[in-house]
Amino acid sequence: MHTPIIALISADPSSRTVLEETLSDRFTTLLTATTTEAGLQLLTQRKDLTLVVCDDSGGRIARATLLAQARQAVPPVPVVVLGQLDSAKAALDAVREGATDYLPKPVSVDAIRAALLSAHAAHTPAAQPLPDRPLGFERIVSVSPQMQLVKHLAQEVATTDATVLITGESGTGKELFAHAIHAASQRAKGPFVALNCAGIPEHLLESELFGYQRGAFTDAKQSKPGRFQMAEGGTLFLDEIGEMSLSAQAKLLRVLQDHLVDPLGDTRSIKVNIRVIAATNEDLPAQIKAGRFRLDLFYRLNVYQLRIPPLRERPDDIEPILLSFLDYARKNHGCRIHRVDSEALSLLQRHDWPGNVRELHNVVEGLTITCKSDTIQPEHLPQTVRPAKGAVSNASAEKTSLLAFGLSFQEMEKKMLEEALRKAAGNVSEASRLLKMTRNTLRYRMAKYHIS
C-alpha cells in the first residue's frame, strides 16, 4: 500500500498549525493549501490524493467549490470538512454537498484520526487502515505475565467466530488487539473495517453503520454501503461502543441477533456474514445502571471479554516497548539512540502513565528530537516523567506539558473530574470546590462524560 497523501486546505494560520501537527506523522504525506485557488490546483494536479481535509470555519474557503471538484476527480477524493457550527443541519449540509464527514471545531486528535480512517475505509475496496504496518500479535510488544496471558486468551478466541468485547483505558492498544485477532482468524483474508462510534455525529452514525439507498434523503444521489456490508466476510471493529446512541444500539442488537441489515431507504433486509469486535474505555455496567447502555446488547457483545491492563500495572513492558519504538525510529528517521540508562528506566517505570502506551510513544518521539546521545539519561526525560528534586515548585509545575500525556482535551478533562471525585469520596460539593467550579457545572460535566 502506498503512503497516504492528505491535502489540508485551511486559511486560518492558528488552526492550520494545529492540524498540521495532528495530521503529520511517519505514515502520511501532508500537502497544504491556504486558499481556495491553491486547493483547487492541488485537486486538479494531484491524481494520487487519498484524502482532503477542508477547514472552512473561517469563511475564507469556498467549501462547495472544492467539494464539487473532489467529486469530479477520477476516482473521487473523500473530503472531511471542519466547520464552526456544532449542529445537525451544518453536518447534513456538508454531507449533502459531498463531504464524507463533518466535524465541528474544536476537534480532538482522536476525532480527526477517526474521521480520516472512516473516510479512507469508505473509499478503499479492502477497507484496510491507513498505516501499512504488520497487524498480527507479533506487533504487540510485551514481556509481562499480565500481557502474555491476555495475548494467549486473544489467540485462543481468534480461532473462533465469537463476538469479542475489549476493555481498557485509552491508549492501551485495544485496536491493536482487534487487528491481531482478525489477522489470526479464519476471516484474515476478508476486510477489517473500523468505526469509531465517538468520532461520528450521532445523526450520521446509523447511515455509516447500515448504509443508505439512492434517494433515501435529499441529495442521496447514489447508494452507499454501510460498514456492515463493507466488512462482509471479515471483521467489523466498533471502537468506543459506549458512546453509541440508544437508537443505534437497538439496531445493532438486531444485526447481532439476526445478521440482517436494513439500509436507509431500502425495504429489503440484507444478510451479512461478519464478526464483530467492540472496544470501550467506559464502565459499561455503570452505563447500564444509568440507562445509557442496553443490557441485552451488553450480553450480545460480552460473549468473550478481554481486559487490556494499563501500563502502570505492567512496568516490565516499558523497556521493550520503548526499545521497539527506538528501533523503528533508527530505521526510519536516523535516530541515534540505542539504549536507556538504568536510572532513567527506573524513572520511566515509576511513572503513572495516564496516557498509557500512547503517552510513552509521545515521550519517545520527543526524545528522538531532544536527546543527542546514544543513551537516554535521566536529564533527557521530560518533566512529566522526571520529577524535580525535592518539592515541586509552582514555576516547575507550570512548565510541565500536559500534551506529553498523549490525551485529548476531553480525556484529560474527564480524568480531572474523576480524580476530584475520588479525593472528595464522591461528595459533589467538595469535588466542585477542588475544581473551582459550581456544583451545577460539575453535575453537567459528569453527565457529559457519563460519570456516576
Protein backbone atom coordinates (compact mmCIF):
# COMPACT_ATOMS: atom_id res chain seq x y z
CA MET A 1 0.00 0.00 0.00
CA HIS A 2 1.37 3.42 -0.91
CA THR A 3 1.85 6.15 1.65
CA PRO A 4 -1.46 8.02 2.05
CA ILE A 5 -1.36 11.61 0.76
CA ILE A 6 -3.58 14.08 2.64
CA ALA A 7 -4.35 17.59 1.38
CA LEU A 8 -5.08 20.16 4.11
CA ILE A 9 -6.93 23.25 2.89
CA SER A 10 -7.21 25.96 5.55
CA ALA A 11 -6.92 29.76 5.60
CA ASP A 12 -6.66 30.04 9.38
CA PRO A 13 -2.95 30.11 10.43
CA SER A 14 -3.52 29.06 14.06
CA SER A 15 -5.93 26.30 13.10
CA ARG A 16 -3.64 25.15 10.30
CA THR A 17 -0.69 24.78 12.68
CA VAL A 18 -2.68 22.51 15.00
CA LEU A 19 -4.00 20.45 12.09
CA GLU A 20 -0.54 20.09 10.56
CA GLU A 21 0.79 18.78 13.87
CA THR A 22 -2.15 16.37 14.10
CA LEU A 23 -2.04 15.08 10.54
CA SER A 24 1.73 14.91 10.03
CA ASP A 25 3.24 11.58 11.01
CA ARG A 26 5.56 8.98 9.63
CA PHE A 27 2.75 7.15 7.81
CA THR A 28 1.35 10.05 5.75
CA THR A 29 2.42 12.73 3.31
CA LEU A 30 0.77 16.10 4.03
CA LEU A 31 0.21 18.80 1.41
CA THR A 32 -1.21 22.19 2.43
CA ALA A 33 -3.10 24.98 0.68
CA THR A 34 -4.11 28.31 2.21
CA THR A 35 -6.63 29.47 -0.40
CA THR A 36 -9.49 28.00 -2.40
CA GLU A 37 -7.50 28.50 -5.62
CA ALA A 38 -4.49 26.64 -4.24
CA GLY A 39 -6.78 23.86 -3.03
CA LEU A 40 -8.39 23.53 -6.47
CA GLN A 41 -4.93 23.39 -8.02
CA LEU A 42 -3.98 20.51 -5.71
CA LEU A 43 -7.14 18.62 -6.62
CA THR A 44 -6.51 19.18 -10.33
CA GLN A 45 -2.81 18.40 -10.44
CA ARG A 46 -2.53 15.60 -7.90
CA LYS A 47 -4.19 12.38 -9.00
CA ASP A 48 -2.85 10.45 -6.00
CA LEU A 49 -4.66 12.23 -3.18
CA THR A 50 -6.01 9.88 -0.54
CA LEU A 51 -8.00 12.42 1.48
CA VAL A 52 -8.79 16.13 1.67
CA VAL A 53 -9.32 17.96 4.98
CA CYS A 54 -11.16 21.23 4.35
CA ASP A 55 -11.28 23.77 7.20
CA ASP A 56 -13.92 26.30 6.16
CA SER A 57 -14.69 27.66 9.63
CA GLY A 58 -13.01 30.98 8.87
CA GLY A 59 -15.34 31.62 5.94
CA ARG A 60 -12.45 32.20 3.53
CA ILE A 61 -12.54 28.76 1.87
CA ALA A 62 -15.20 28.04 -0.78
CA ARG A 63 -16.21 24.64 0.52
CA ALA A 64 -18.89 23.87 -2.09
CA THR A 65 -16.46 24.58 -4.96
CA LEU A 66 -13.82 22.28 -3.51
CA LEU A 67 -16.34 19.52 -2.82
CA ALA A 68 -17.61 19.71 -6.41
CA GLN A 69 -14.03 19.41 -7.72
CA ALA A 70 -13.33 16.46 -5.40
CA ARG A 71 -16.45 14.65 -6.68
CA GLN A 72 -15.35 15.13 -10.29
CA ALA A 73 -11.89 13.65 -9.68
CA VAL A 74 -11.22 10.15 -11.01
CA PRO A 75 -11.53 8.39 -8.68
CA PRO A 76 -13.48 10.80 -6.43
CA VAL A 77 -11.49 12.05 -3.43
CA PRO A 78 -13.11 11.82 0.03
CA VAL A 79 -13.32 15.14 1.90
CA VAL A 80 -13.56 15.69 5.66
CA VAL A 81 -14.98 19.15 6.48
CA LEU A 82 -14.11 21.01 9.67
CA GLY A 83 -16.72 23.66 10.46
CA GLN A 84 -17.62 26.19 13.11
CA LEU A 85 -21.18 25.09 13.86
CA ASP A 86 -21.94 22.09 16.06
CA SER A 87 -25.36 21.30 14.63
CA ALA A 88 -27.14 18.55 12.74
CA LYS A 89 -28.08 20.98 9.95
CA ALA A 90 -24.45 22.02 9.36
CA ALA A 91 -23.36 18.38 9.22
CA LEU A 92 -26.17 17.39 6.86
CA ASP A 93 -25.46 20.37 4.59
CA ALA A 94 -21.83 19.34 4.31
CA VAL A 95 -22.69 15.69 3.60
CA ARG A 96 -25.28 16.67 1.01
CA GLU A 97 -22.65 18.79 -0.74
CA GLY A 98 -20.47 15.69 -0.99
CA ALA A 99 -18.40 15.65 2.21
CA THR A 100 -17.54 12.26 3.63
CA ASP A 101 -17.66 13.59 7.19
CA TYR A 102 -18.21 16.82 9.13
CA LEU A 103 -16.53 17.72 12.41
CA PRO A 104 -17.34 20.87 14.44
CA LYS A 105 -14.36 22.73 15.92
CA PRO A 106 -12.55 22.47 18.22
CA VAL A 107 -11.92 18.81 17.44
CA SER A 108 -9.78 16.32 19.31
CA VAL A 109 -6.88 14.45 17.75
CA ASP A 110 -8.80 11.18 18.14
CA ALA A 111 -11.86 12.61 16.36
CA ILE A 112 -9.76 13.75 13.41
CA ARG A 113 -7.95 10.43 13.20
CA ALA A 114 -11.24 8.52 13.38
CA ALA A 115 -12.75 10.67 10.64
CA LEU A 116 -9.73 10.13 8.39
CA LEU A 117 -9.77 6.38 8.91
CA SER A 118 -13.53 6.36 8.31
CA ALA A 119 -13.24 8.33 5.06
CA HIS A 120 -10.32 6.24 3.85
CA ALA A 121 -12.11 2.97 4.63
CA ALA A 122 -15.24 4.08 2.79
CA HIS A 123 -13.22 4.69 -0.40
CA THR A 124 -10.84 1.71 -0.21
CA PRO A 125 -12.06 -1.66 -1.56
CA ALA A 126 -10.20 -3.69 1.04
CA ALA A 127 -11.13 -1.19 3.76
CA GLN A 128 -7.73 -1.56 5.45
CA PRO A 129 -6.34 1.03 7.88
CA LEU A 130 -4.16 3.89 6.67
CA PRO A 131 -0.77 2.79 8.02
CA ASP A 132 0.93 -0.05 6.15
CA ARG A 133 2.19 -1.89 9.21
CA PRO A 134 2.16 -5.52 10.47
CA LEU A 135 -1.09 -6.24 12.26
CA GLY A 136 -0.56 -9.63 13.94
CA PHE A 137 0.19 -10.50 17.56
CA GLU A 138 3.91 -10.02 16.83
CA ARG A 139 3.25 -6.27 16.76
CA ILE A 140 2.11 -6.30 20.41
CA VAL A 141 5.37 -5.93 22.32
CA SER A 142 5.24 -7.32 25.86
CA VAL A 143 7.11 -9.48 28.38
CA SER A 144 4.90 -9.07 31.45
CA PRO A 145 2.88 -12.07 32.68
CA GLN A 146 -0.32 -9.99 32.53
CA MET A 147 0.05 -9.23 28.82
CA GLN A 148 1.30 -12.70 27.97
CA LEU A 149 -1.94 -14.07 29.45
CA VAL A 150 -4.07 -11.55 27.54
CA LYS A 151 -2.29 -12.39 24.27
CA HIS A 152 -2.78 -16.10 24.92
CA LEU A 153 -6.51 -15.60 25.53
CA ALA A 154 -6.79 -13.39 22.43
CA GLN A 155 -5.05 -16.02 20.28
CA GLU A 156 -7.47 -18.64 21.56
CA VAL A 157 -10.59 -16.61 20.79
CA ALA A 158 -9.15 -15.64 17.38
CA THR A 159 -9.64 -19.21 16.18
CA THR A 160 -13.38 -18.96 16.90
CA ASP A 161 -16.02 -16.68 15.41
CA ALA A 162 -17.19 -15.35 18.78
CA THR A 163 -18.02 -11.69 19.35
CA VAL A 164 -15.29 -10.06 21.46
CA LEU A 165 -15.51 -7.08 23.83
CA ILE A 166 -12.12 -5.44 24.51
CA THR A 167 -12.00 -3.17 27.55
CA GLY A 168 -9.23 -0.98 28.90
CA GLU A 169 -8.11 2.61 29.36
CA SER A 170 -7.44 4.93 26.44
CA GLY A 171 -4.05 4.29 24.85
CA THR A 172 -3.61 0.68 25.99
CA GLY A 173 -3.77 -0.81 22.49
CA LYS A 174 -7.32 -2.12 22.13
CA GLU A 175 -7.36 -1.62 18.35
CA LEU A 176 -4.02 -3.46 18.06
CA PHE A 177 -5.63 -6.49 19.65
CA ALA A 178 -8.64 -6.23 17.34
CA HIS A 179 -6.33 -6.21 14.31
CA ALA A 180 -4.34 -9.14 15.69
CA ILE A 181 -7.46 -11.22 16.36
CA HIS A 182 -8.65 -10.59 12.82
CA ALA A 183 -5.23 -11.44 11.34
CA ALA A 184 -5.14 -14.74 13.26
CA SER A 185 -8.73 -15.73 12.42
CA GLN A 186 -10.28 -17.65 9.54
CA ARG A 187 -11.53 -14.27 8.28
CA ALA A 188 -7.99 -12.91 7.80
CA LYS A 189 -8.41 -12.75 4.01
CA GLY A 190 -11.57 -10.69 4.41
CA PRO A 191 -11.67 -6.94 5.14
CA PHE A 192 -11.04 -5.37 8.53
CA VAL A 193 -13.36 -2.36 8.85
CA ALA A 194 -13.01 0.02 11.81
CA LEU A 195 -15.51 2.60 13.04
CA ASN A 196 -15.01 4.95 15.98
CA CYS A 197 -18.53 5.42 17.37
CA ALA A 198 -17.45 8.58 19.22
CA GLY A 199 -15.87 10.16 16.15
CA ILE A 200 -19.04 10.42 14.05
CA PRO A 201 -22.03 12.69 14.84
CA GLU A 202 -24.96 10.73 16.26
CA HIS A 203 -27.28 11.65 13.39
CA LEU A 204 -24.80 10.25 10.85
CA LEU A 205 -23.76 7.13 12.76
CA GLU A 206 -26.66 4.93 11.62
CA SER A 207 -26.12 5.72 7.93
CA GLU A 208 -22.42 4.93 8.40
CA LEU A 209 -23.23 1.61 10.04
CA PHE A 210 -26.10 0.43 7.86
CA GLY A 211 -25.70 2.44 4.64
CA TYR A 212 -28.43 4.02 2.52
CA GLN A 213 -30.10 3.68 -0.86
CA ARG A 214 -30.19 6.25 -3.61
CA GLY A 215 -32.97 8.76 -2.89
CA ALA A 216 -33.16 7.85 0.82
CA PHE A 217 -32.82 11.57 1.59
CA THR A 218 -32.25 14.79 -0.31
CA ASP A 219 -29.07 14.70 -2.40
CA ALA A 220 -28.53 10.96 -1.83
CA LYS A 221 -27.62 10.67 -5.50
CA GLN A 222 -26.11 7.23 -5.17
CA SER A 223 -26.36 4.29 -2.81
CA LYS A 224 -23.69 3.89 -0.16
CA PRO A 225 -22.93 0.63 1.63
CA GLY A 226 -22.66 0.71 5.41
CA ARG A 227 -19.79 -0.64 7.44
CA PHE A 228 -21.58 -3.94 7.95
CA GLN A 229 -21.74 -4.53 4.20
CA MET A 230 -18.16 -3.34 3.71
CA ALA A 231 -16.98 -5.88 6.30
CA GLU A 232 -18.69 -8.82 4.52
CA GLY A 233 -16.64 -11.96 5.08
CA GLY A 234 -14.35 -10.16 7.51
CA THR A 235 -14.36 -8.26 10.80
CA LEU A 236 -16.13 -5.06 11.91
CA PHE A 237 -14.37 -3.26 14.77
CA LEU A 238 -16.60 -0.87 16.72
CA ASP A 239 -14.42 1.34 18.90
CA GLU A 240 -15.85 3.45 21.75
CA ILE A 241 -19.03 1.37 21.68
CA GLY A 242 -20.14 3.01 24.94
CA GLU A 243 -20.69 6.28 23.07
CA MET A 244 -23.32 4.80 20.73
CA SER A 245 -26.83 6.26 20.99
CA LEU A 246 -29.67 4.09 22.31
CA SER A 247 -31.35 4.21 18.89
CA ALA A 248 -28.26 2.86 17.14
CA GLN A 249 -27.81 0.30 19.93
CA ALA A 250 -31.28 -1.14 19.21
CA LYS A 251 -30.47 -1.54 15.50
CA LEU A 252 -27.06 -3.00 16.26
CA LEU A 253 -28.69 -5.56 18.55
CA ARG A 254 -30.89 -6.76 15.69
CA VAL A 255 -27.89 -7.22 13.41
CA LEU A 256 -26.06 -9.24 16.05
CA GLN A 257 -29.15 -11.40 16.62
CA ASP A 258 -30.34 -11.95 13.04
CA HIS A 259 -27.33 -10.91 10.90
CA LEU A 260 -29.69 -8.66 8.91
CA VAL A 261 -29.01 -5.03 7.97
CA ASP A 262 -31.68 -2.50 6.96
CA PRO A 263 -30.09 0.30 4.85
CA LEU A 264 -31.89 3.66 5.00
CA GLY A 265 -34.48 3.94 2.25
CA ASP A 266 -34.45 0.20 1.44
CA THR A 267 -37.43 -2.06 2.05
CA ARG A 268 -35.28 -5.18 1.91
CA SER A 269 -33.04 -6.55 4.64
CA ILE A 270 -29.53 -7.59 3.66
CA LYS A 271 -27.92 -10.70 5.15
CA VAL A 272 -24.36 -10.11 6.37
CA ASN A 273 -21.60 -12.55 7.30
CA ILE A 274 -19.22 -10.73 9.63
CA ARG A 275 -17.55 -10.94 13.00
CA VAL A 276 -17.94 -8.03 15.44
CA ILE A 277 -15.22 -6.89 17.83
CA ALA A 278 -16.16 -3.99 20.10
CA ALA A 279 -13.99 -1.89 22.40
CA THR A 280 -14.60 0.64 25.14
CA ASN A 281 -12.81 2.54 27.89
CA GLU A 282 -16.15 3.10 29.65
CA ASP A 283 -17.60 1.11 32.56
CA LEU A 284 -20.50 -0.47 30.64
CA PRO A 285 -22.20 -2.00 33.72
CA ALA A 286 -22.33 1.52 35.21
CA GLN A 287 -23.68 2.81 31.89
CA ILE A 288 -26.39 0.15 32.03
CA LYS A 289 -27.40 1.19 35.56
CA ALA A 290 -27.59 4.81 34.39
CA GLY A 291 -29.84 3.81 31.48
CA ARG A 292 -27.32 4.80 28.80
CA PHE A 293 -26.47 1.31 27.53
CA ARG A 294 -28.75 -1.63 26.77
CA LEU A 295 -28.33 -4.69 28.96
CA ASP A 296 -29.34 -7.06 26.13
CA LEU A 297 -26.75 -5.52 23.80
CA PHE A 298 -24.09 -5.85 26.50
CA TYR A 299 -24.80 -9.59 26.74
CA ARG A 300 -24.55 -9.90 22.94
CA LEU A 301 -21.21 -8.08 22.86
CA ASN A 302 -19.75 -9.59 26.00
CA VAL A 303 -19.55 -13.15 24.67
CA TYR A 304 -15.80 -13.05 25.30
CA GLN A 305 -14.18 -10.17 27.16
CA LEU A 306 -10.53 -9.16 27.04
CA ARG A 307 -9.28 -6.54 29.51
CA ILE A 308 -6.07 -4.81 28.44
CA PRO A 309 -4.19 -3.78 31.62
CA PRO A 310 -2.92 -0.19 31.83
CA LEU A 311 0.82 0.39 31.50
CA ARG A 312 1.22 1.26 35.20
CA GLU A 313 0.15 -2.32 36.06
CA ARG A 314 2.90 -3.83 33.87
CA PRO A 315 6.09 -1.78 34.27
CA ASP A 316 8.14 -4.70 32.90
CA ASP A 317 6.72 -3.87 29.45
CA ILE A 318 8.01 -0.29 29.42
CA GLU A 319 11.59 -1.15 28.39
CA PRO A 320 10.77 -3.49 25.47
CA ILE A 321 8.07 -1.13 24.17
CA LEU A 322 10.44 1.84 24.38
CA LEU A 323 13.23 -0.09 22.62
CA SER A 324 10.85 -1.16 19.85
CA PHE A 325 9.87 2.49 19.28
CA LEU A 326 13.56 3.44 19.18
CA ASP A 327 14.33 0.61 16.75
CA TYR A 328 11.66 1.93 14.38
CA ALA A 329 12.96 5.49 14.74
CA ARG A 330 16.53 4.39 13.93
CA LYS A 331 15.44 2.53 10.81
CA ASN A 332 13.15 5.26 9.51
CA HIS A 333 14.34 8.60 10.89
CA GLY A 334 18.06 8.26 11.52
CA CYS A 335 17.62 8.30 15.31
CA ARG A 336 20.94 7.74 17.16
CA ILE A 337 19.54 6.42 20.46
CA HIS A 338 20.26 2.72 21.15
CA ARG A 339 19.69 2.22 24.87
CA VAL A 340 18.26 3.63 28.09
CA ASP A 341 20.21 4.23 31.29
CA SER A 342 19.12 2.14 34.29
CA GLU A 343 18.27 5.21 36.39
CA ALA A 344 16.23 6.69 33.53
CA LEU A 345 14.46 3.36 33.08
CA SER A 346 13.65 3.30 36.80
CA LEU A 347 12.04 6.75 36.48
CA LEU A 348 10.02 5.58 33.48
CA GLN A 349 8.83 2.51 35.36
CA ARG A 350 7.75 4.57 38.37
CA HIS A 351 5.71 6.98 36.25
CA ASP A 352 1.92 6.53 36.39
CA TRP A 353 1.38 6.73 32.58
CA PRO A 354 -2.18 8.11 32.48
CA GLY A 355 -1.96 8.09 28.66
CA ASN A 356 -0.58 4.51 28.65
CA VAL A 357 1.36 3.30 25.58
CA ARG A 358 0.25 6.35 23.58
CA GLU A 359 1.89 8.62 26.17
CA LEU A 360 5.08 6.51 26.13
CA HIS A 361 5.17 6.81 22.35
CA ASN A 362 4.88 10.60 22.64
CA VAL A 363 7.77 10.65 25.12
CA VAL A 364 9.96 8.60 22.77
CA GLU A 365 9.03 10.85 19.83
CA GLY A 366 10.21 13.83 21.84
CA LEU A 367 13.44 12.08 22.87
CA THR A 368 14.36 11.31 19.25
CA ILE A 369 14.46 15.08 18.74
CA THR A 370 15.95 16.34 22.02
CA CYS A 371 18.35 13.56 23.04
CA LYS A 372 21.68 13.94 21.20
CA SER A 373 23.33 10.97 22.93
CA ASP A 374 23.09 7.25 22.10
CA THR A 375 21.81 6.57 25.65
CA ILE A 376 18.75 8.07 27.34
CA GLN A 377 19.83 9.61 30.66
CA PRO A 378 17.52 10.88 33.44
CA GLU A 379 18.14 14.51 32.43
CA HIS A 380 16.87 13.75 28.92
CA LEU A 381 13.42 12.75 30.19
CA PRO A 382 10.57 15.29 30.06
CA GLN A 383 9.45 16.92 33.30
CA THR A 384 6.22 14.90 33.23
CA VAL A 385 8.28 11.76 33.79
CA ARG A 386 11.30 13.14 35.67
CA PRO A 387 10.14 14.73 38.95
CA ALA A 388 12.07 17.75 40.18
CA LYS A 389 14.34 17.25 43.17
CA GLY A 390 12.56 17.97 46.43
CA ALA A 391 9.20 19.67 46.39
CA VAL A 392 7.87 20.69 43.02
CA SER A 393 7.60 24.47 42.84
CA ASN A 394 4.78 26.28 41.15
CA ALA A 395 7.19 27.51 38.49
CA SER A 396 8.33 24.00 37.56
CA ALA A 397 4.78 22.72 37.63
CA GLU A 398 3.78 25.40 35.16
CA LYS A 399 6.48 24.20 32.76
CA THR A 400 5.10 20.66 32.70
CA SER A 401 3.49 19.96 29.35
CA LEU A 402 0.11 18.27 29.57
CA LEU A 403 0.38 17.43 25.87
CA ALA A 404 3.04 14.84 26.70
CA PHE A 405 0.37 12.64 28.26
CA GLY A 406 -0.97 11.85 24.78
CA LEU A 407 -4.56 12.53 25.85
CA SER A 408 -7.21 14.56 24.08
CA PHE A 409 -8.70 17.59 25.86
CA GLN A 410 -11.87 15.60 26.61
CA GLU A 411 -9.91 12.67 28.06
CA MET A 412 -7.84 14.99 30.26
CA GLU A 413 -10.94 16.82 31.48
CA LYS A 414 -12.66 13.54 32.32
CA LYS A 415 -9.64 12.31 34.31
CA MET A 416 -9.56 15.58 36.30
CA LEU A 417 -13.24 15.19 37.18
CA GLU A 418 -12.74 11.56 38.23
CA GLU A 419 -9.68 12.43 40.34
CA ALA A 420 -11.51 15.24 42.14
CA LEU A 421 -14.47 12.97 42.88
CA ARG A 422 -12.14 10.27 44.23
CA LYS A 423 -10.39 12.75 46.52
CA ALA A 424 -13.78 14.03 47.66
CA ALA A 425 -15.04 10.48 48.29
CA GLY A 426 -17.90 11.10 45.89
CA ASN A 427 -19.02 14.34 47.53
CA VAL A 428 -20.05 16.60 44.65
CA SER A 429 -19.86 19.80 46.70
CA GLU A 430 -16.31 19.05 47.84
CA ALA A 431 -15.25 17.98 44.31
CA SER A 432 -16.66 21.20 42.83
CA ARG A 433 -14.63 23.18 45.40
CA LEU A 434 -11.43 21.32 44.40
CA LEU A 435 -12.15 22.00 40.74
CA LYS A 436 -13.15 25.63 41.39
CA MET A 437 -16.48 25.30 39.60
CA THR A 438 -20.13 25.37 40.64
CA ARG A 439 -21.98 22.20 41.63
CA ASN A 440 -24.32 22.59 38.64
CA THR A 441 -21.39 22.89 36.24
CA LEU A 442 -19.78 19.80 37.75
CA ARG A 443 -23.03 17.82 37.50
CA TYR A 444 -23.39 18.87 33.86
CA ARG A 445 -19.84 17.72 33.07
CA MET A 446 -20.36 14.47 34.99
CA ALA A 447 -23.40 13.76 32.81
CA LYS A 448 -21.43 14.72 29.68
CA TYR A 449 -18.77 12.11 30.44
CA HIS A 450 -21.18 9.53 31.91
CA ILE A 451 -19.57 9.69 35.37
CA SER A 452 -21.82 8.27 38.06
